[in-house]
């Protein structure tokens, strides 16, 4: 599954266009490497999202084509969730 689609389906980012823009801004890495929107996401991958003052690292648990909003949190496991000091 494409990275931008996974971010939208998992509700980590609410819109696919926003997910695409964030990826193109080199703010998202997969398994330690900066990832493009079309990067292939597989089970077990580690996604790191670097927002301005916040970093979120998750492990991919599932990659379905669609999911209900109340089940989206089951698609990933949060590994790190912290605010950056600036």
PDB file of N, CA and C in Angstrom:
ATOM      1  N   UNK A   1       0.841  -1.172   0.000  1.00  0.00           N
ATOM      2  CA  UNK A   1       0.000   0.000   0.000  1.00  0.00           C
ATOM      3  C   UNK A   1       0.892   1.244   0.000  1.00  0.00           C
ATOM      4  N   UNK A   2       0.459   2.273  -0.704  1.00  0.00           N
ATOM      5  CA  UNK A   2       1.197   3.538  -0.744  1.00  0.00           C
ATOM      6  C   UNK A   2       1.203   4.201   0.630  1.00  0.00           C
ATOM      7  N   UNK A   3       2.286   4.874   0.945  1.00  0.00           N
ATOM      8  CA  UNK A   3       2.433   5.556   2.225  1.00  0.00           C
ATOM      9  C   UNK A   3       1.346   6.607   2.438  1.00  0.00           C
ATOM     10  N   UNK A   4       1.107   7.462   1.438  1.00  0.00           N
ATOM     11  CA  UNK A   4       0.105   8.516   1.621  1.00  0.00           C
ATOM     12  C   UNK A   4      -1.289   7.933   1.867  1.00  0.00           C
ATOM     13  N   UNK A   5      -1.614   6.838   1.202  1.00  0.00           N
ATOM     14  CA  UNK A   5      -2.915   6.196   1.414  1.00  0.00           C
ATOM     15  C   UNK A   5      -2.984   5.581   2.814  1.00  0.00           C
ATOM     16  N   UNK A   6      -1.913   4.945   3.254  1.00  0.00           N
ATOM     17  CA  UNK A   6      -1.897   4.346   4.597  1.00  0.00           C
ATOM     18  C   UNK A   6      -2.093   5.413   5.675  1.00  0.00           C
ATOM     19  N   UNK A   7      -1.415   6.542   5.522  1.00  0.00           N
ATOM     20  CA  UNK A   7      -1.539   7.611   6.516  1.00  0.00           C
ATOM     21  C   UNK A   7      -2.977   8.110   6.610  1.00  0.00           C
ATOM     22  N   UNK A   8      -3.662   8.174   5.482  1.00  0.00           N
ATOM     23  CA  UNK A   8      -5.060   8.608   5.464  1.00  0.00           C
ATOM     24  C   UNK A   8      -5.980   7.550   6.068  1.00  0.00           C
ATOM     25  N   UNK A   9      -5.838   6.308   5.633  1.00  0.00           N
ATOM     26  CA  UNK A   9      -6.709   5.230   6.115  1.00  0.00           C
ATOM     27  C   UNK A   9      -6.545   5.013   7.611  1.00  0.00           C
ATOM     28  N   UNK A  10      -5.316   5.130   8.103  1.00  0.00           N
ATOM     29  CA  UNK A  10      -5.054   4.920   9.531  1.00  0.00           C
ATOM     30  C   UNK A  10      -5.427   6.136  10.372  1.00  0.00           C
ATOM     31  N   UNK A  11      -5.790   7.220   9.699  1.00  0.00           N
ATOM     32  CA  UNK A  11      -6.158   8.480  10.360  1.00  0.00           C
ATOM     33  C   UNK A  11      -4.976   9.133  11.078  1.00  0.00           C
ATOM     34  N   UNK A  12      -3.759   8.739  10.740  1.00  0.00           N
ATOM     35  CA  UNK A  12      -2.585   9.426  11.290  1.00  0.00           C
ATOM     36  C   UNK A  12      -2.519  10.837  10.719  1.00  0.00           C
ATOM     37  N   UNK A  13      -2.937  10.981   9.462  1.00  0.00           N
ATOM     38  CA  UNK A  13      -3.123  12.280   8.816  1.00  0.00           C
ATOM     39  C   UNK A  13      -4.493  12.232   8.159  1.00  0.00           C
ATOM     40  N   UNK A  14      -5.288  13.276   8.340  1.00  0.00           N
ATOM     41  CA  UNK A  14      -6.702  13.218   7.957  1.00  0.00           C
ATOM     42  C   UNK A  14      -6.986  13.215   6.465  1.00  0.00           C
ATOM     43  N   UNK A  15      -6.128  13.846   5.663  1.00  0.00           N
ATOM     44  CA  UNK A  15      -6.384  13.902   4.227  1.00  0.00           C
ATOM     45  C   UNK A  15      -5.195  13.362   3.453  1.00  0.00           C
ATOM     46  N   UNK A  16      -5.483  12.672   2.356  1.00  0.00           N
ATOM     47  CA  UNK A  16      -4.403  12.090   1.554  1.00  0.00           C
ATOM     48  C   UNK A  16      -3.546  13.170   0.910  1.00  0.00           C
ATOM     49  N   UNK A  17      -4.149  14.269   0.499  1.00  0.00           N
ATOM     50  CA  UNK A  17      -3.358  15.349  -0.105  1.00  0.00           C
ATOM     51  C   UNK A  17      -2.399  15.954   0.912  1.00  0.00           C
ATOM     52  N   UNK A  18      -2.834  16.062   2.158  1.00  0.00           N
ATOM     53  CA  UNK A  18      -1.952  16.570   3.215  1.00  0.00           C
ATOM     54  C   UNK A  18      -0.836  15.561   3.464  1.00  0.00           C
ATOM     55  N   UNK A  19      -1.166  14.288   3.491  1.00  0.00           N
ATOM     56  CA  UNK A  19      -0.158  13.240   3.680  1.00  0.00           C
ATOM     57  C   UNK A  19       0.883  13.306   2.559  1.00  0.00           C
ATOM     58  N   UNK A  20       0.426  13.513   1.331  1.00  0.00           N
ATOM     59  CA  UNK A  20       1.332  13.621   0.185  1.00  0.00           C
ATOM     60  C   UNK A  20       2.259  14.821   0.355  1.00  0.00           C
ATOM     61  N   UNK A  21       1.707  15.959   0.755  1.00  0.00           N
ATOM     62  CA  UNK A  21       2.516  17.163   0.947  1.00  0.00           C
ATOM     63  C   UNK A  21       3.552  16.980   2.052  1.00  0.00           C
ATOM     64  N   UNK A  22       3.165  16.336   3.143  1.00  0.00           N
ATOM     65  CA  UNK A  22       4.084  16.100   4.262  1.00  0.00           C
ATOM     66  C   UNK A  22       5.220  15.182   3.805  1.00  0.00           C
ATOM     67  N   UNK A  23       4.892  14.155   3.048  1.00  0.00           N
ATOM     68  CA  UNK A  23       5.915  13.245   2.525  1.00  0.00           C
ATOM     69  C   UNK A  23       6.881  13.993   1.606  1.00  0.00           C
ATOM     70  N   UNK A  24       6.345  14.817   0.730  1.00  0.00           N
ATOM     71  CA  UNK A  24       7.189  15.566  -0.203  1.00  0.00           C
ATOM     72  C   UNK A  24       8.060  16.584   0.525  1.00  0.00           C
ATOM     73  N   UNK A  25       7.635  16.994   1.717  1.00  0.00           N
ATOM     74  CA  UNK A  25       8.433  17.903   2.526  1.00  0.00           C
ATOM     75  C   UNK A  25       9.495  17.195   3.340  1.00  0.00           C
ATOM     76  N   UNK A  26       9.668  15.903   3.091  1.00  0.00           N
ATOM     77  CA  UNK A  26      10.676  15.059   3.749  1.00  0.00           C
ATOM     78  C   UNK A  26      10.523  15.042   5.269  1.00  0.00           C
ATOM     79  N   UNK A  27       9.278  14.985   5.732  1.00  0.00           N
ATOM     80  CA  UNK A  27       8.988  14.948   7.163  1.00  0.00           C
ATOM     81  C   UNK A  27       8.599  13.552   7.641  1.00  0.00           C
ATOM     82  N   UNK A  28       8.551  12.597   6.708  1.00  0.00           N
ATOM     83  CA  UNK A  28       8.151  11.237   7.061  1.00  0.00           C
ATOM     84  C   UNK A  28       9.229  10.262   6.605  1.00  0.00           C
ATOM     85  N   UNK A  29       9.581   9.346   7.503  1.00  0.00           N
ATOM     86  CA  UNK A  29      10.540   8.306   7.128  1.00  0.00           C
ATOM     87  C   UNK A  29       9.938   6.936   7.404  1.00  0.00           C
ATOM     88  N   UNK A  30      10.371   5.976   6.619  1.00  0.00           N
ATOM     89  CA  UNK A  30       9.946   4.588   6.777  1.00  0.00           C
ATOM     90  C   UNK A  30      11.209   3.769   6.993  1.00  0.00           C
ATOM     91  N   UNK A  31      11.260   3.090   8.122  1.00  0.00           N
ATOM     92  CA  UNK A  31      12.426   2.288   8.490  1.00  0.00           C
ATOM     93  C   UNK A  31      13.720   3.097   8.436  1.00  0.00           C
ATOM     94  N   UNK A  32      13.642   4.360   8.885  1.00  0.00           N
ATOM     95  CA  UNK A  32      14.826   5.201   8.987  1.00  0.00           C
ATOM     96  C   UNK A  32      15.231   5.929   7.728  1.00  0.00           C
ATOM     97  N   UNK A  33      14.498   5.775   6.635  1.00  0.00           N
ATOM     98  CA  UNK A  33      14.822   6.443   5.378  1.00  0.00           C
ATOM     99  C   UNK A  33      13.688   7.382   4.994  1.00  0.00           C
ATOM    100  N   UNK A  34      14.033   8.593   4.540  1.00  0.00           N
ATOM    101  CA  UNK A  34      13.025   9.541   4.097  1.00  0.00           C
ATOM    102  C   UNK A  34      12.203   8.888   2.987  1.00  0.00           C
ATOM    103  N   UNK A  35      10.877   9.013   3.099  1.00  0.00           N
ATOM    104  CA  UNK A  35      10.000   8.298   2.173  1.00  0.00           C
ATOM    105  C   UNK A  35       9.173   9.247   1.315  1.00  0.00           C
ATOM    106  N   UNK A  36       8.928   8.830   0.102  1.00  0.00           N
ATOM    107  CA  UNK A  36       8.066   9.563  -0.820  1.00  0.00           C
ATOM    108  C   UNK A  36       6.629   9.065  -0.652  1.00  0.00           C
ATOM    109  N   UNK A  37       5.641   9.816  -1.154  1.00  0.00           N
ATOM    110  CA  UNK A  37       4.238   9.418  -0.994  1.00  0.00           C
ATOM    111  C   UNK A  37       3.928   8.024  -1.548  1.00  0.00           C
ATOM    112  N   UNK A  38       4.626   7.601  -2.588  1.00  0.00           N
ATOM    113  CA  UNK A  38       4.349   6.312  -3.220  1.00  0.00           C
ATOM    114  C   UNK A  38       5.126   5.152  -2.594  1.00  0.00           C
ATOM    115  N   UNK A  39       5.858   5.416  -1.521  1.00  0.00           N
ATOM    116  CA  UNK A  39       6.630   4.348  -0.864  1.00  0.00           C
ATOM    117  C   UNK A  39       5.694   3.208  -0.478  1.00  0.00           C
ATOM    118  N   UNK A  40       6.154   1.979  -0.654  1.00  0.00           N
ATOM    119  CA  UNK A  40       5.358   0.795  -0.361  1.00  0.00           C
ATOM    120  C   UNK A  40       5.428   0.480   1.137  1.00  0.00           C
ATOM    121  N   UNK A  41       4.271   0.404   1.778  1.00  0.00           N
ATOM    122  CA  UNK A  41       4.190   0.119   3.205  1.00  0.00           C
ATOM    123  C   UNK A  41       3.793  -1.339   3.402  1.00  0.00           C
ATOM    124  N   UNK A  42       4.548  -2.020   4.288  1.00  0.00           N
ATOM    125  CA  UNK A  42       4.279  -3.429   4.576  1.00  0.00           C
ATOM    126  C   UNK A  42       4.138  -3.629   6.085  1.00  0.00           C
ATOM    127  N   UNK A  43       3.617  -4.771   6.464  1.00  0.00           N
ATOM    128  CA  UNK A  43       3.498  -5.091   7.883  1.00  0.00           C
ATOM    129  C   UNK A  43       4.872  -5.033   8.545  1.00  0.00           C
ATOM    130  N   UNK A  44       4.932  -4.461   9.726  1.00  0.00           N
ATOM    131  CA  UNK A  44       6.176  -4.386  10.465  1.00  0.00           C
ATOM    132  C   UNK A  44       7.014  -3.150  10.193  1.00  0.00           C
ATOM    133  N   UNK A  45       6.682  -2.380   9.157  1.00  0.00           N
ATOM    134  CA  UNK A  45       7.426  -1.158   8.869  1.00  0.00           C
ATOM    135  C   UNK A  45       7.270  -0.167  10.017  1.00  0.00           C
ATOM    136  N   UNK A  46       8.306   0.644  10.225  1.00  0.00           N
ATOM    137  CA  UNK A  46       8.288   1.693  11.239  1.00  0.00           C
ATOM    138  C   UNK A  46       8.188   3.032  10.513  1.00  0.00           C
ATOM    139  N   UNK A  47       7.112   3.773  10.794  1.00  0.00           N
ATOM    140  CA  UNK A  47       6.887   5.074  10.176  1.00  0.00           C
ATOM    141  C   UNK A  47       7.135   6.149  11.231  1.00  0.00           C
ATOM    142  N   UNK A  48       7.962   7.130  10.889  1.00  0.00           N
ATOM    143  CA  UNK A  48       8.232   8.253  11.780  1.00  0.00           C
ATOM    144  C   UNK A  48       7.723   9.528  11.114  1.00  0.00           C
ATOM    145  N   UNK A  49       6.852  10.239  11.820  1.00  0.00           N
ATOM    146  CA  UNK A  49       6.283  11.488  11.322  1.00  0.00           C
ATOM    147  C   UNK A  49       6.857  12.612  12.172  1.00  0.00           C
ATOM    148  N   UNK A  50       7.574  13.516  11.523  1.00  0.00           N
ATOM    149  CA  UNK A  50       8.217  14.633  12.213  1.00  0.00           C
ATOM    150  C   UNK A  50       7.424  15.906  11.938  1.00  0.00           C
ATOM    151  N   UNK A  51       6.600  16.287  12.913  1.00  0.00           N
ATOM    152  CA  UNK A  51       5.850  17.532  12.799  1.00  0.00           C
ATOM    153  C   UNK A  51       6.674  18.626  13.468  1.00  0.00           C
ATOM    154  N   UNK A  52       6.255  19.841  13.378  1.00  0.00           N
ATOM    155  CA  UNK A  52       7.067  20.957  13.889  1.00  0.00           C
ATOM    156  C   UNK A  52       7.577  20.731  15.299  1.00  0.00           C
ATOM    157  N   UNK A  53       6.697  20.448  16.208  1.00  0.00           N
ATOM    158  CA  UNK A  53       7.102  20.296  17.610  1.00  0.00           C
ATOM    159  C   UNK A  53       6.747  18.928  18.182  1.00  0.00           C
ATOM    160  N   UNK A  54       6.467  18.000  17.308  1.00  0.00           N
ATOM    161  CA  UNK A  54       5.975  16.702  17.750  1.00  0.00           C
ATOM    162  C   UNK A  54       6.523  15.607  16.845  1.00  0.00           C
ATOM    163  N   UNK A  55       6.918  14.498  17.435  1.00  0.00           N
ATOM    164  CA  UNK A  55       7.394  13.349  16.650  1.00  0.00           C
ATOM    165  C   UNK A  55       6.569  12.132  17.044  1.00  0.00           C
ATOM    166  N   UNK A  56       6.072  11.426  16.035  1.00  0.00           N
ATOM    167  CA  UNK A  56       5.278  10.223  16.261  1.00  0.00           C
ATOM    168  C   UNK A  56       5.919   9.085  15.489  1.00  0.00           C
ATOM    169  N   UNK A  57       6.169   7.970  16.178  1.00  0.00           N
ATOM    170  CA  UNK A  57       6.740   6.791  15.537  1.00  0.00           C
ATOM    171  C   UNK A  57       5.791   5.637  15.761  1.00  0.00           C
ATOM    172  N   UNK A  58       5.371   4.989  14.666  1.00  0.00           N
ATOM    173  CA  UNK A  58       4.416   3.883  14.763  1.00  0.00           C
ATOM    174  C   UNK A  58       4.918   2.670  13.996  1.00  0.00           C
ATOM    175  N   UNK A  59       4.435   1.507  14.412  1.00  0.00           N
ATOM    176  CA  UNK A  59       4.721   0.249  13.721  1.00  0.00           C
ATOM    177  C   UNK A  59       3.449  -0.180  12.998  1.00  0.00           C
ATOM    178  N   UNK A  60       3.572  -0.529  11.728  1.00  0.00           N
ATOM    179  CA  UNK A  60       2.432  -0.939  10.910  1.00  0.00           C
ATOM    180  C   UNK A  60       1.993  -2.349  11.307  1.00  0.00           C
ATOM    181  N   UNK A  61       0.718  -2.486  11.682  1.00  0.00           N
ATOM    182  CA  UNK A  61       0.167  -3.792  12.073  1.00  0.00           C
ATOM    183  C   UNK A  61      -0.751  -4.383  11.011  1.00  0.00           C
ATOM    184  N   UNK A  62      -1.329  -3.526  10.159  1.00  0.00           N
ATOM    185  CA  UNK A  62      -2.242  -4.000   9.113  1.00  0.00           C
ATOM    186  C   UNK A  62      -2.307  -2.956   8.006  1.00  0.00           C
ATOM    187  N   UNK A  63      -2.623  -3.412   6.778  1.00  0.00           N
ATOM    188  CA  UNK A  63      -2.732  -2.500   5.639  1.00  0.00           C
ATOM    189  C   UNK A  63      -3.980  -2.799   4.811  1.00  0.00           C
ATOM    190  N   UNK A  64      -5.160  -2.665   5.399  1.00  0.00           N
ATOM    191  CA  UNK A  64      -6.386  -2.928   4.642  1.00  0.00           C
ATOM    192  C   UNK A  64      -6.690  -1.771   3.680  1.00  0.00           C
ATOM    193  N   UNK A  65      -7.532  -2.031   2.686  1.00  0.00           N
ATOM    194  CA  UNK A  65      -7.897  -0.984   1.731  1.00  0.00           C
ATOM    195  C   UNK A  65      -8.851   0.036   2.321  1.00  0.00           C
ATOM    196  N   UNK A  66      -9.603  -0.353   3.323  1.00  0.00           N
ATOM    197  CA  UNK A  66     -10.501   0.576   4.004  1.00  0.00           C
ATOM    198  C   UNK A  66     -10.744   0.077   5.422  1.00  0.00           C
ATOM    199  N   UNK A  67     -11.142   1.008   6.285  1.00  0.00           N
ATOM    200  CA  UNK A  67     -11.389   0.670   7.680  1.00  0.00           C
ATOM    201  C   UNK A  67     -12.326   1.729   8.260  1.00  0.00           C
ATOM    202  N   UNK A  68     -13.121   1.326   9.218  1.00  0.00           N
ATOM    203  CA  UNK A  68     -13.997   2.288   9.888  1.00  0.00           C
ATOM    204  C   UNK A  68     -13.161   3.189  10.788  1.00  0.00           C
ATOM    205  N   UNK A  69     -13.628   4.400  10.993  1.00  0.00           N
ATOM    206  CA  UNK A  69     -12.880   5.383  11.785  1.00  0.00           C
ATOM    207  C   UNK A  69     -12.569   4.868  13.188  1.00  0.00           C
ATOM    208  N   UNK A  70     -13.511   4.181  13.805  1.00  0.00           N
ATOM    209  CA  UNK A  70     -13.295   3.706  15.182  1.00  0.00           C
ATOM    210  C   UNK A  70     -12.347   2.511  15.248  1.00  0.00           C
ATOM    211  N   UNK A  71     -11.960   1.951  14.113  1.00  0.00           N
ATOM    212  CA  UNK A  71     -11.027   0.819  14.085  1.00  0.00           C
ATOM    213  C   UNK A  71      -9.654   1.220  13.546  1.00  0.00           C
ATOM    214  N   UNK A  72      -9.488   2.478  13.149  1.00  0.00           N
ATOM    215  CA  UNK A  72      -8.240   2.935  12.528  1.00  0.00           C
ATOM    216  C   UNK A  72      -7.041   2.766  13.453  1.00  0.00           C
ATOM    217  N   UNK A  73      -7.220   2.933  14.744  1.00  0.00           N
ATOM    218  CA  UNK A  73      -6.096   2.816  15.682  1.00  0.00           C
ATOM    219  C   UNK A  73      -5.548   1.387  15.766  1.00  0.00           C
ATOM    220  N   UNK A  74      -6.299   0.418  15.257  1.00  0.00           N
ATOM    221  CA  UNK A  74      -5.839  -0.972  15.253  1.00  0.00           C
ATOM    222  C   UNK A  74      -4.836  -1.262  14.126  1.00  0.00           C
ATOM    223  N   UNK A  75      -4.621  -0.302  13.242  1.00  0.00           N
ATOM    224  CA  UNK A  75      -3.725  -0.504  12.106  1.00  0.00           C
ATOM    225  C   UNK A  75      -2.261  -0.268  12.470  1.00  0.00           C
ATOM    226  N   UNK A  76      -2.019   0.331  13.634  1.00  0.00           N
ATOM    227  CA  UNK A  76      -0.648   0.648  14.020  1.00  0.00           C
ATOM    228  C   UNK A  76      -0.475   0.579  15.531  1.00  0.00           C
ATOM    229  N   UNK A  77       0.774   0.477  15.948  1.00  0.00           N
ATOM    230  CA  UNK A  77       1.143   0.497  17.361  1.00  0.00           C
ATOM    231  C   UNK A  77       2.062   1.700  17.564  1.00  0.00           C
ATOM    232  N   UNK A  78       1.738   2.550  18.518  1.00  0.00           N
ATOM    233  CA  UNK A  78       2.570   3.721  18.785  1.00  0.00           C
ATOM    234  C   UNK A  78       3.816   3.281  19.543  1.00  0.00           C
ATOM    235  N   UNK A  79       4.977   3.593  18.976  1.00  0.00           N
ATOM    236  CA  UNK A  79       6.249   3.255  19.603  1.00  0.00           C
ATOM    237  C   UNK A  79       6.810   4.450  20.372  1.00  0.00           C
ATOM    238  N   UNK A  80       6.731   5.624  19.766  1.00  0.00           N
ATOM    239  CA  UNK A  80       7.199   6.859  20.401  1.00  0.00           C
ATOM    240  C   UNK A  80       6.221   7.969  20.070  1.00  0.00           C
ATOM    241  N   UNK A  81       5.985   8.827  21.042  1.00  0.00           N
ATOM    242  CA  UNK A  81       5.101   9.968  20.859  1.00  0.00           C
ATOM    243  C   UNK A  81       5.584  11.045  21.812  1.00  0.00           C
ATOM    244  N   UNK A  82       6.339  12.011  21.283  1.00  0.00           N
ATOM    245  CA  UNK A  82       6.891  13.021  22.177  1.00  0.00           C
ATOM    246  C   UNK A  82       6.970  14.381  21.507  1.00  0.00           C
ATOM    247  N   UNK A  83       7.049  15.400  22.361  1.00  0.00           N
ATOM    248  CA  UNK A  83       7.196  16.770  21.890  1.00  0.00           C
ATOM    249  C   UNK A  83       8.674  17.132  21.895  1.00  0.00           C
ATOM    250  N   UNK A  84       9.068  17.873  20.867  1.00  0.00           N
ATOM    251  CA  UNK A  84      10.453  18.322  20.763  1.00  0.00           C
ATOM    252  C   UNK A  84      10.634  19.579  21.586  1.00  0.00           C
ATOM    253  N   UNK A  85      11.806  19.741  22.157  1.00  0.00           N
ATOM    254  CA  UNK A  85      12.156  20.971  22.865  1.00  0.00           C
ATOM    255  C   UNK A  85      12.746  21.944  21.852  1.00  0.00           C
ATOM    256  N   UNK A  86      12.266  23.166  21.890  1.00  0.00           N
ATOM    257  CA  UNK A  86      12.820  24.164  20.961  1.00  0.00           C
ATOM    258  C   UNK A  86      13.213  25.388  21.709  1.00  0.00           C
TER     259      UNK A  86
END
